[in-house]
Amino acid sequence: FKETTLPAFEKMLKSEVEGRNGLSLIEWALLVEDKMLSQVDYNALVVTTSKEIQLERIGSCPVAREQVLKRISIQLSNEEKILEIIKEQELAGNGILITFDTSEKPADLEYENLLEEILLEIS
């Protein structure tokens, strides 16, 4: 994967966002693990949830439970991911980190507040 798919994805990502201003949202569960945070200028919105909710959501997923558990196991924990982002941002001297926890099923107002926070950070 890392030898074939990742370079192709990186090239596509660069062509899509190069020269653009504003906000681009990219869903990439392994952004930090793949060492690709630099591709998004060290900016990250980390959406977290509890392990219980992750496992609960597997029930509605068409992928086999074992495959989903394997995918979860190769990811850093929420805490490890956030610490790694902070470390990379400090080294780069750049980046925005916003975290959003969905463990308690956020209300619409919480999503609105999240969007306001993002807009404040990028303006």
N, C-alpha and C. Protein backbone atom coordinates (compact mmCIF):
# COMPACT_ATOMS: atom_id res chain seq x y z
N PHE A 1 0.82 -1.20 0.00
CA PHE A 1 0.00 0.00 0.00
C PHE A 1 0.86 1.25 0.00
N LYS A 2 1.79 1.32 0.96
CA LYS A 2 2.60 2.53 1.09
C LYS A 2 3.49 2.77 -0.12
N GLU A 3 3.88 1.71 -0.82
CA GLU A 3 4.76 1.87 -1.97
C GLU A 3 4.00 2.27 -3.22
N THR A 4 2.72 1.89 -3.34
CA THR A 4 1.98 2.15 -4.58
C THR A 4 0.85 3.17 -4.40
N THR A 5 -0.04 2.91 -3.49
CA THR A 5 -1.21 3.75 -3.33
C THR A 5 -0.89 5.10 -2.71
N LEU A 6 -0.07 5.12 -1.68
CA LEU A 6 0.23 6.36 -0.98
C LEU A 6 0.88 7.41 -1.89
N PRO A 7 1.90 7.07 -2.68
CA PRO A 7 2.47 8.08 -3.58
C PRO A 7 1.45 8.61 -4.60
N ALA A 8 0.61 7.74 -5.10
CA ALA A 8 -0.42 8.18 -6.06
C ALA A 8 -1.42 9.10 -5.39
N PHE A 9 -1.79 8.77 -4.17
CA PHE A 9 -2.73 9.62 -3.44
C PHE A 9 -2.09 10.96 -3.12
N GLU A 10 -0.83 10.96 -2.73
CA GLU A 10 -0.13 12.20 -2.42
C GLU A 10 -0.09 13.10 -3.66
N LYS A 11 0.18 12.53 -4.81
CA LYS A 11 0.23 13.31 -6.05
C LYS A 11 -1.14 13.91 -6.37
N MET A 12 -2.19 13.11 -6.22
CA MET A 12 -3.54 13.58 -6.49
C MET A 12 -3.92 14.68 -5.51
N LEU A 13 -3.58 14.51 -4.24
CA LEU A 13 -3.89 15.49 -3.21
C LEU A 13 -3.20 16.82 -3.52
N LYS A 14 -1.93 16.76 -3.88
CA LYS A 14 -1.20 17.98 -4.22
C LYS A 14 -1.85 18.71 -5.39
N SER A 15 -2.24 17.97 -6.41
CA SER A 15 -2.84 18.62 -7.58
C SER A 15 -4.20 19.23 -7.24
N GLU A 16 -4.92 18.63 -6.30
CA GLU A 16 -6.24 19.14 -5.93
C GLU A 16 -6.17 20.41 -5.08
N VAL A 17 -5.21 20.49 -4.16
CA VAL A 17 -5.20 21.61 -3.22
C VAL A 17 -4.15 22.67 -3.53
N GLU A 18 -3.23 22.38 -4.44
CA GLU A 18 -2.16 23.34 -4.74
C GLU A 18 -2.74 24.64 -5.29
N GLY A 19 -2.31 25.73 -4.70
CA GLY A 19 -2.73 27.04 -5.16
C GLY A 19 -4.10 27.48 -4.68
N ARG A 20 -4.77 26.66 -3.92
CA ARG A 20 -6.10 27.03 -3.42
C ARG A 20 -5.97 27.76 -2.09
N ASN A 21 -6.89 28.66 -1.88
CA ASN A 21 -7.01 29.33 -0.59
C ASN A 21 -8.29 28.85 0.06
N GLY A 22 -8.34 28.91 1.37
CA GLY A 22 -9.56 28.52 2.06
C GLY A 22 -9.43 27.18 2.73
N LEU A 23 -10.54 26.52 2.82
CA LEU A 23 -10.64 25.29 3.60
C LEU A 23 -10.93 24.10 2.70
N SER A 24 -10.14 23.05 2.84
CA SER A 24 -10.39 21.78 2.17
C SER A 24 -10.48 20.72 3.26
N LEU A 25 -11.52 19.94 3.25
CA LEU A 25 -11.66 18.86 4.23
C LEU A 25 -11.31 17.54 3.56
N ILE A 26 -10.39 16.82 4.19
CA ILE A 26 -9.93 15.55 3.66
C ILE A 26 -10.08 14.50 4.75
N GLU A 27 -10.87 13.49 4.50
CA GLU A 27 -11.05 12.41 5.48
C GLU A 27 -9.94 11.41 5.25
N TRP A 28 -9.05 11.30 6.24
CA TRP A 28 -7.88 10.43 6.09
C TRP A 28 -7.55 9.87 7.47
N ALA A 29 -8.07 8.71 7.77
CA ALA A 29 -7.92 8.12 9.10
C ALA A 29 -6.45 7.94 9.50
N LEU A 30 -5.59 7.66 8.54
CA LEU A 30 -4.19 7.37 8.84
C LEU A 30 -3.25 8.51 8.44
N LEU A 31 -3.75 9.73 8.41
CA LEU A 31 -2.95 10.89 8.03
C LEU A 31 -1.67 10.97 8.86
N VAL A 32 -1.79 10.84 10.15
CA VAL A 32 -0.63 10.95 11.04
C VAL A 32 0.26 9.72 10.91
N GLU A 33 -0.35 8.55 10.91
CA GLU A 33 0.42 7.31 10.81
C GLU A 33 1.19 7.23 9.49
N ASP A 34 0.61 7.79 8.43
CA ASP A 34 1.27 7.79 7.12
C ASP A 34 2.30 8.90 6.96
N LYS A 35 2.49 9.69 8.03
CA LYS A 35 3.47 10.79 8.02
C LYS A 35 3.16 11.79 6.89
N MET A 36 1.89 12.13 6.73
CA MET A 36 1.47 13.01 5.65
C MET A 36 0.88 14.33 6.15
N LEU A 37 1.08 14.66 7.41
CA LEU A 37 0.53 15.89 7.96
C LEU A 37 1.04 17.13 7.23
N SER A 38 2.25 17.05 6.70
CA SER A 38 2.81 18.19 5.96
C SER A 38 1.99 18.50 4.71
N GLN A 39 1.29 17.51 4.18
CA GLN A 39 0.49 17.71 2.97
C GLN A 39 -0.72 18.60 3.20
N VAL A 40 -1.07 18.78 4.46
CA VAL A 40 -2.21 19.64 4.80
C VAL A 40 -1.74 20.80 5.67
N ASP A 41 -0.48 21.23 5.44
CA ASP A 41 0.12 22.36 6.17
C ASP A 41 0.04 22.19 7.68
N TYR A 42 0.09 20.97 8.14
CA TYR A 42 0.08 20.64 9.57
C TYR A 42 -1.22 21.04 10.26
N ASN A 43 -2.28 21.23 9.48
CA ASN A 43 -3.59 21.55 10.04
C ASN A 43 -4.40 20.27 10.15
N ALA A 44 -5.07 20.09 11.28
CA ALA A 44 -5.84 18.86 11.47
C ALA A 44 -7.07 19.11 12.32
N LEU A 45 -8.16 18.50 11.90
CA LEU A 45 -9.37 18.39 12.70
C LEU A 45 -9.45 16.92 13.07
N VAL A 46 -9.29 16.62 14.33
CA VAL A 46 -9.32 15.23 14.79
C VAL A 46 -10.67 14.97 15.43
N VAL A 47 -11.44 14.10 14.79
CA VAL A 47 -12.74 13.72 15.32
C VAL A 47 -12.54 12.42 16.09
N THR A 48 -12.84 12.48 17.38
CA THR A 48 -12.60 11.32 18.24
C THR A 48 -13.92 10.73 18.72
N THR A 49 -13.83 9.51 19.17
CA THR A 49 -14.95 8.85 19.82
C THR A 49 -14.38 7.76 20.72
N SER A 50 -15.20 7.23 21.57
CA SER A 50 -14.73 6.17 22.46
C SER A 50 -14.61 4.85 21.70
N LYS A 51 -13.81 3.95 22.25
CA LYS A 51 -13.69 2.60 21.65
C LYS A 51 -15.05 1.91 21.58
N GLU A 52 -15.87 2.13 22.62
CA GLU A 52 -17.19 1.51 22.65
C GLU A 52 -18.03 1.95 21.46
N ILE A 53 -18.00 3.25 21.17
CA ILE A 53 -18.78 3.77 20.03
C ILE A 53 -18.19 3.26 18.73
N GLN A 54 -16.86 3.20 18.63
CA GLN A 54 -16.24 2.64 17.43
C GLN A 54 -16.74 1.22 17.18
N LEU A 55 -16.73 0.41 18.23
CA LEU A 55 -17.16 -0.98 18.08
C LEU A 55 -18.65 -1.08 17.79
N GLU A 56 -19.44 -0.18 18.37
CA GLU A 56 -20.88 -0.14 18.12
C GLU A 56 -21.15 0.17 16.65
N ARG A 57 -20.37 1.06 16.08
CA ARG A 57 -20.56 1.46 14.68
C ARG A 57 -20.18 0.35 13.71
N ILE A 58 -19.35 -0.56 14.15
CA ILE A 58 -18.97 -1.68 13.29
C ILE A 58 -20.20 -2.49 12.88
N GLY A 59 -21.17 -2.59 13.78
CA GLY A 59 -22.37 -3.36 13.49
C GLY A 59 -23.10 -2.88 12.25
N SER A 60 -23.03 -1.58 11.94
CA SER A 60 -23.72 -1.05 10.77
C SER A 60 -22.81 -0.97 9.55
N CYS A 61 -21.62 -1.50 9.66
CA CYS A 61 -20.63 -1.43 8.59
C CYS A 61 -20.69 -2.70 7.73
N PRO A 62 -20.68 -2.53 6.39
CA PRO A 62 -20.73 -3.72 5.53
C PRO A 62 -19.43 -4.53 5.51
N VAL A 63 -18.36 -3.94 6.01
CA VAL A 63 -17.07 -4.64 6.06
C VAL A 63 -17.09 -5.61 7.24
N ALA A 64 -16.43 -6.72 7.08
CA ALA A 64 -16.40 -7.73 8.14
C ALA A 64 -15.80 -7.15 9.42
N ARG A 65 -16.36 -7.55 10.55
CA ARG A 65 -15.93 -7.04 11.86
C ARG A 65 -14.43 -7.22 12.07
N GLU A 66 -13.89 -8.36 11.64
CA GLU A 66 -12.46 -8.62 11.82
C GLU A 66 -11.61 -7.61 11.04
N GLN A 67 -12.06 -7.26 9.84
CA GLN A 67 -11.33 -6.28 9.03
C GLN A 67 -11.34 -4.91 9.69
N VAL A 68 -12.48 -4.54 10.24
CA VAL A 68 -12.59 -3.24 10.89
C VAL A 68 -11.72 -3.21 12.14
N LEU A 69 -11.75 -4.27 12.92
CA LEU A 69 -10.91 -4.34 14.12
C LEU A 69 -9.43 -4.26 13.76
N LYS A 70 -9.05 -4.89 12.66
CA LYS A 70 -7.66 -4.83 12.20
C LYS A 70 -7.30 -3.39 11.83
N ARG A 71 -8.19 -2.69 11.12
CA ARG A 71 -7.95 -1.30 10.74
C ARG A 71 -7.79 -0.41 11.97
N ILE A 72 -8.66 -0.62 12.95
CA ILE A 72 -8.58 0.17 14.18
C ILE A 72 -7.25 -0.10 14.90
N SER A 73 -6.81 -1.35 14.89
CA SER A 73 -5.59 -1.71 15.63
C SER A 73 -4.33 -1.07 15.06
N ILE A 74 -4.32 -0.73 13.76
CA ILE A 74 -3.11 -0.12 13.19
C ILE A 74 -3.10 1.40 13.37
N GLN A 75 -4.20 1.95 13.83
CA GLN A 75 -4.26 3.39 14.06
C GLN A 75 -3.72 3.72 15.45
N LEU A 76 -3.15 4.91 15.56
CA LEU A 76 -2.77 5.40 16.87
C LEU A 76 -4.03 5.65 17.68
N SER A 77 -3.92 5.59 18.99
CA SER A 77 -5.06 5.96 19.82
C SER A 77 -5.32 7.45 19.62
N ASN A 78 -6.49 7.91 20.02
CA ASN A 78 -6.81 9.33 19.90
C ASN A 78 -5.74 10.19 20.58
N GLU A 79 -5.36 9.79 21.78
CA GLU A 79 -4.38 10.56 22.54
C GLU A 79 -3.01 10.57 21.85
N GLU A 80 -2.58 9.39 21.36
CA GLU A 80 -1.29 9.30 20.66
C GLU A 80 -1.30 10.15 19.39
N LYS A 81 -2.41 10.11 18.67
CA LYS A 81 -2.54 10.87 17.43
C LYS A 81 -2.42 12.37 17.71
N ILE A 82 -3.12 12.85 18.71
CA ILE A 82 -3.10 14.27 19.06
C ILE A 82 -1.70 14.69 19.48
N LEU A 83 -1.04 13.88 20.31
CA LEU A 83 0.33 14.19 20.74
C LEU A 83 1.30 14.22 19.55
N GLU A 84 1.15 13.32 18.62
CA GLU A 84 2.00 13.28 17.44
C GLU A 84 1.77 14.51 16.56
N ILE A 85 0.52 14.92 16.41
CA ILE A 85 0.21 16.13 15.63
C ILE A 85 0.86 17.35 16.28
N ILE A 86 0.71 17.47 17.60
CA ILE A 86 1.31 18.60 18.32
C ILE A 86 2.82 18.61 18.13
N LYS A 87 3.44 17.44 18.23
CA LYS A 87 4.89 17.34 18.06
C LYS A 87 5.31 17.80 16.66
N GLU A 88 4.60 17.32 15.64
CA GLU A 88 4.93 17.70 14.27
C GLU A 88 4.68 19.18 14.02
N GLN A 89 3.61 19.71 14.58
CA GLN A 89 3.33 21.14 14.44
C GLN A 89 4.42 21.98 15.09
N GLU A 90 4.87 21.58 16.25
CA GLU A 90 5.93 22.32 16.94
C GLU A 90 7.23 22.29 16.14
N LEU A 91 7.56 21.13 15.57
CA LEU A 91 8.76 21.02 14.74
C LEU A 91 8.66 21.89 13.49
N ALA A 92 7.48 21.94 12.91
CA ALA A 92 7.27 22.72 11.68
C ALA A 92 7.05 24.20 11.96
N GLY A 93 6.68 24.52 13.21
CA GLY A 93 6.37 25.90 13.54
C GLY A 93 5.10 26.37 12.85
N ASN A 94 4.18 25.45 12.62
CA ASN A 94 3.00 25.75 11.83
C ASN A 94 1.89 24.75 12.18
N GLY A 95 0.67 25.15 11.95
CA GLY A 95 -0.44 24.22 12.04
C GLY A 95 -1.50 24.60 13.04
N ILE A 96 -2.69 24.12 12.75
CA ILE A 96 -3.86 24.30 13.60
C ILE A 96 -4.36 22.91 13.98
N LEU A 97 -4.69 22.72 15.24
CA LEU A 97 -5.26 21.46 15.69
C LEU A 97 -6.58 21.75 16.39
N ILE A 98 -7.64 21.15 15.89
CA ILE A 98 -8.96 21.24 16.51
C ILE A 98 -9.41 19.81 16.76
N THR A 99 -9.89 19.54 17.96
CA THR A 99 -10.41 18.21 18.27
C THR A 99 -11.91 18.31 18.51
N PHE A 100 -12.60 17.24 18.16
CA PHE A 100 -14.05 17.19 18.31
C PHE A 100 -14.44 15.78 18.72
N ASP A 101 -15.02 15.64 19.90
CA ASP A 101 -15.37 14.32 20.43
C ASP A 101 -16.83 14.00 20.11
N THR A 102 -17.05 12.87 19.48
CA THR A 102 -18.41 12.45 19.12
C THR A 102 -18.92 11.30 19.99
N SER A 103 -18.28 11.07 21.12
CA SER A 103 -18.68 9.96 21.99
C SER A 103 -20.10 10.12 22.52
N GLU A 104 -20.53 11.35 22.73
CA GLU A 104 -21.85 11.61 23.32
C GLU A 104 -22.86 12.12 22.30
N LYS A 105 -22.69 11.80 21.02
CA LYS A 105 -23.61 12.22 19.95
C LYS A 105 -23.90 13.72 20.05
N PRO A 106 -23.02 14.55 19.53
CA PRO A 106 -23.15 16.00 19.65
C PRO A 106 -24.47 16.53 19.06
N ALA A 107 -24.95 17.58 19.68
CA ALA A 107 -26.15 18.26 19.20
C ALA A 107 -25.77 19.17 18.03
N ASP A 108 -26.77 19.59 17.27
CA ASP A 108 -26.53 20.47 16.12
C ASP A 108 -25.75 21.71 16.51
N LEU A 109 -26.04 22.27 17.68
CA LEU A 109 -25.35 23.47 18.12
C LEU A 109 -23.85 23.23 18.27
N GLU A 110 -23.48 22.03 18.71
CA GLU A 110 -22.06 21.71 18.85
C GLU A 110 -21.37 21.67 17.49
N TYR A 111 -22.06 21.17 16.46
CA TYR A 111 -21.50 21.18 15.11
C TYR A 111 -21.35 22.61 14.60
N GLU A 112 -22.33 23.45 14.88
CA GLU A 112 -22.25 24.85 14.49
C GLU A 112 -21.07 25.53 15.18
N ASN A 113 -20.88 25.25 16.46
CA ASN A 113 -19.74 25.82 17.19
C ASN A 113 -18.41 25.34 16.61
N LEU A 114 -18.36 24.08 16.21
CA LEU A 114 -17.16 23.53 15.59
C LEU A 114 -16.85 24.28 14.30
N LEU A 115 -17.84 24.48 13.47
CA LEU A 115 -17.63 25.20 12.22
C LEU A 115 -17.18 26.63 12.47
N GLU A 116 -17.76 27.28 13.46
CA GLU A 116 -17.33 28.63 13.81
C GLU A 116 -15.87 28.65 14.25
N GLU A 117 -15.48 27.66 15.05
CA GLU A 117 -14.09 27.57 15.52
C GLU A 117 -13.13 27.38 14.34
N ILE A 118 -13.51 26.54 13.40
CA ILE A 118 -12.68 26.31 12.23
C ILE A 118 -12.54 27.60 11.42
N LEU A 119 -13.65 28.26 11.20
CA LEU A 119 -13.62 29.50 10.42
C LEU A 119 -12.78 30.58 11.10
N LEU A 120 -12.85 30.67 12.42
CA LEU A 120 -12.02 31.63 13.15
C LEU A 120 -10.53 31.30 12.99
N GLU A 121 -10.20 30.03 13.04
CA GLU A 121 -8.80 29.61 12.96
C GLU A 121 -8.20 29.89 11.58
N ILE A 122 -9.00 29.72 10.51
CA ILE A 122 -8.44 29.88 9.18
C ILE A 122 -8.52 31.30 8.65
N SER A 123 -9.22 32.17 9.36
CA SER A 123 -9.33 33.55 8.86
C SER A 123 -8.25 34.44 9.43
